[in-house]
Amino acid sequence: MEVKAYLEITMKIKDTNRPAAAKVYADYRQPFLQEIKGAVTKELLIRDEDVQVLHGFDSVENAKAYLDSEMFKNDVFVGLKPLWSADPDVKIYSRA
């Protein structure tokens, strides 16, 4: 499958909470790639000012659908929400 869309979630997470956030990423990376329709890639990007998870999908529709999936709402979101310093910034891009 080829990446045709990206879901970018940028989060403000304090340094002390980053190991816990990395664990959530690691715990759900393989299930995401194996179980979520259209999932192609998932990468964790870290900067001093924020943490970003970049998800690659085969379509914009599947990227949007992931945000409504049981895995995202009941597992990933629940695991990350207590670690945020501010609400995350969520964007979906189509690849040209």
C-alpha atoms as a PDB file:
ATOM      1  CA  MET A   1       0.000   0.000   0.000  1.00  0.00           C
ATOM      2  CA  GLU A   2       1.105   3.529  -0.722  1.00  0.00           C
ATOM      3  CA  VAL A   3       0.681   6.485   1.643  1.00  0.00           C
ATOM      4  CA  LYS A   4      -1.866   8.878   0.146  1.00  0.00           C
ATOM      5  CA  ALA A   5      -2.855  10.741   3.326  1.00  0.00           C
ATOM      6  CA  TYR A   6      -1.331  11.707   6.648  1.00  0.00           C
ATOM      7  CA  LEU A   7      -2.955  12.164  10.025  1.00  0.00           C
ATOM      8  CA  GLU A   8      -0.759  14.421  12.139  1.00  0.00           C
ATOM      9  CA  ILE A   9      -1.396  14.682  15.878  1.00  0.00           C
ATOM     10  CA  THR A  10       0.789  17.222  17.666  1.00  0.00           C
ATOM     11  CA  MET A  11       0.775  17.173  21.459  1.00  0.00           C
ATOM     12  CA  LYS A  12       2.267  19.358  24.157  1.00  0.00           C
ATOM     13  CA  ILE A  13       3.687  16.871  26.657  1.00  0.00           C
ATOM     14  CA  LYS A  14       6.011  17.744  29.547  1.00  0.00           C
ATOM     15  CA  ASP A  15       9.409  16.032  29.583  1.00  0.00           C
ATOM     16  CA  THR A  16       8.431  14.063  32.684  1.00  0.00           C
ATOM     17  CA  ASN A  17       5.414  12.583  30.847  1.00  0.00           C
ATOM     18  CA  ARG A  18       7.202  11.734  27.611  1.00  0.00           C
ATOM     19  CA  PRO A  19       8.258   8.193  28.602  1.00  0.00           C
ATOM     20  CA  ALA A  20       4.606   7.367  29.325  1.00  0.00           C
ATOM     21  CA  ALA A  21       3.570   8.857  25.971  1.00  0.00           C
ATOM     22  CA  ALA A  22       6.264   6.831  24.185  1.00  0.00           C
ATOM     23  CA  LYS A  23       4.908   3.690  25.860  1.00  0.00           C
ATOM     24  CA  VAL A  24       1.395   4.393  24.525  1.00  0.00           C
ATOM     25  CA  TYR A  25       2.918   4.843  21.062  1.00  0.00           C
ATOM     26  CA  ALA A  26       4.909   1.600  21.323  1.00  0.00           C
ATOM     27  CA  ASP A  27       1.981  -0.396  22.745  1.00  0.00           C
ATOM     28  CA  TYR A  28      -0.384   0.545  19.904  1.00  0.00           C
ATOM     29  CA  ARG A  29       1.960   0.865  16.909  1.00  0.00           C
ATOM     30  CA  GLN A  30       1.689  -2.762  15.742  1.00  0.00           C
ATOM     31  CA  PRO A  31      -2.042  -3.134  16.481  1.00  0.00           C
ATOM     32  CA  PHE A  32      -2.615   0.111  14.554  1.00  0.00           C
ATOM     33  CA  LEU A  33      -0.688  -1.161  11.524  1.00  0.00           C
ATOM     34  CA  GLN A  34      -2.351  -4.590  11.651  1.00  0.00           C
ATOM     35  CA  GLU A  35      -5.944  -3.726  12.543  1.00  0.00           C
ATOM     36  CA  ILE A  36      -6.804  -0.237  11.292  1.00  0.00           C
ATOM     37  CA  LYS A  37      -8.197  -0.113   7.774  1.00  0.00           C
ATOM     38  CA  GLY A  38      -5.812   1.624   5.375  1.00  0.00           C
ATOM     39  CA  ALA A  39      -2.991   2.116   7.917  1.00  0.00           C
ATOM     40  CA  VAL A  40       0.421   2.118   6.225  1.00  0.00           C
ATOM     41  CA  THR A  41       2.899   3.839   8.588  1.00  0.00           C
ATOM     42  CA  LYS A  42       3.132   5.334  12.067  1.00  0.00           C
ATOM     43  CA  GLU A  43       6.035   7.432  13.324  1.00  0.00           C
ATOM     44  CA  LEU A  44       6.818   9.211  16.591  1.00  0.00           C
ATOM     45  CA  LEU A  45       8.524  12.583  16.136  1.00  0.00           C
ATOM     46  CA  ILE A  46       9.962  14.448  19.116  1.00  0.00           C
ATOM     47  CA  ARG A  47      10.971  18.098  19.430  1.00  0.00           C
ATOM     48  CA  ASP A  48      11.764  20.196  22.494  1.00  0.00           C
ATOM     49  CA  GLU A  49       8.416  21.986  22.205  1.00  0.00           C
ATOM     50  CA  ASP A  50       6.117  19.054  21.356  1.00  0.00           C
ATOM     51  CA  VAL A  51       5.611  15.436  20.388  1.00  0.00           C
ATOM     52  CA  GLN A  52       4.014  14.423  17.108  1.00  0.00           C
ATOM     53  CA  VAL A  53       2.615  11.165  15.829  1.00  0.00           C
ATOM     54  CA  LEU A  54       2.472  10.963  12.052  1.00  0.00           C
ATOM     55  CA  HIS A  55       0.144   8.268  10.699  1.00  0.00           C
ATOM     56  CA  GLY A  56       0.242   7.279   7.023  1.00  0.00           C
ATOM     57  CA  PHE A  57      -2.949   6.017   5.377  1.00  0.00           C
ATOM     58  CA  ASP A  58      -4.040   4.837   1.950  1.00  0.00           C
ATOM     59  CA  SER A  59      -6.815   7.481   1.858  1.00  0.00           C
ATOM     60  CA  VAL A  60      -8.109  10.598   3.603  1.00  0.00           C
ATOM     61  CA  GLU A  61     -11.323   8.702   4.387  1.00  0.00           C
ATOM     62  CA  ASN A  62      -9.442   6.011   6.320  1.00  0.00           C
ATOM     63  CA  ALA A  63      -7.432   8.666   8.195  1.00  0.00           C
ATOM     64  CA  LYS A  64     -10.686  10.329   9.287  1.00  0.00           C
ATOM     65  CA  ALA A  65     -12.237   6.976  10.193  1.00  0.00           C
ATOM     66  CA  TYR A  66      -9.336   6.153  12.529  1.00  0.00           C
ATOM     67  CA  LEU A  67     -10.257   9.123  14.736  1.00  0.00           C
ATOM     68  CA  ASP A  68     -13.655   7.457  15.306  1.00  0.00           C
ATOM     69  CA  SER A  69     -12.242   3.951  15.785  1.00  0.00           C
ATOM     70  CA  GLU A  70     -12.551   2.019  19.037  1.00  0.00           C
ATOM     71  CA  MET A  71      -8.752   1.760  19.263  1.00  0.00           C
ATOM     72  CA  PHE A  72      -8.289   5.516  19.073  1.00  0.00           C
ATOM     73  CA  LYS A  73     -11.220   6.531  21.291  1.00  0.00           C
ATOM     74  CA  ASN A  74     -10.946   3.819  23.959  1.00  0.00           C
ATOM     75  CA  ASP A  75      -7.221   3.051  24.088  1.00  0.00           C
ATOM     76  CA  VAL A  76      -4.895   5.628  22.533  1.00  0.00           C
ATOM     77  CA  PHE A  77      -6.891   8.725  23.494  1.00  0.00           C
ATOM     78  CA  VAL A  78      -7.510   7.459  27.032  1.00  0.00           C
ATOM     79  CA  GLY A  79      -3.809   6.656  27.480  1.00  0.00           C
ATOM     80  CA  LEU A  80      -2.550  10.009  26.190  1.00  0.00           C
ATOM     81  CA  LYS A  81      -5.107  12.518  27.474  1.00  0.00           C
ATOM     82  CA  PRO A  82      -3.750  12.696  31.062  1.00  0.00           C
ATOM     83  CA  LEU A  83      -0.280  13.459  29.658  1.00  0.00           C
ATOM     84  CA  TRP A  84      -1.241  16.549  27.615  1.00  0.00           C
ATOM     85  CA  SER A  85      -0.378  20.068  28.739  1.00  0.00           C
ATOM     86  CA  ALA A  86      -2.854  21.429  26.148  1.00  0.00           C
ATOM     87  CA  ASP A  87      -5.371  20.038  23.682  1.00  0.00           C
ATOM     88  CA  PRO A  88      -3.670  18.326  20.735  1.00  0.00           C
ATOM     89  CA  ASP A  89      -3.586  19.761  17.249  1.00  0.00           C
ATOM     90  CA  VAL A  90      -5.026  17.256  14.752  1.00  0.00           C
ATOM     91  CA  LYS A  91      -4.590  17.687  10.990  1.00  0.00           C
ATOM     92  CA  ILE A  92      -5.203  15.475   7.971  1.00  0.00           C
ATOM     93  CA  TYR A  93      -3.280  16.015   4.755  1.00  0.00           C
ATOM     94  CA  SER A  94      -3.718  14.415   1.356  1.00  0.00           C
ATOM     95  CA  ARG A  95      -0.503  13.594  -0.432  1.00  0.00           C
ATOM     96  CA  ALA A  96      -0.032  15.222  -3.834  1.00  0.00           C
END
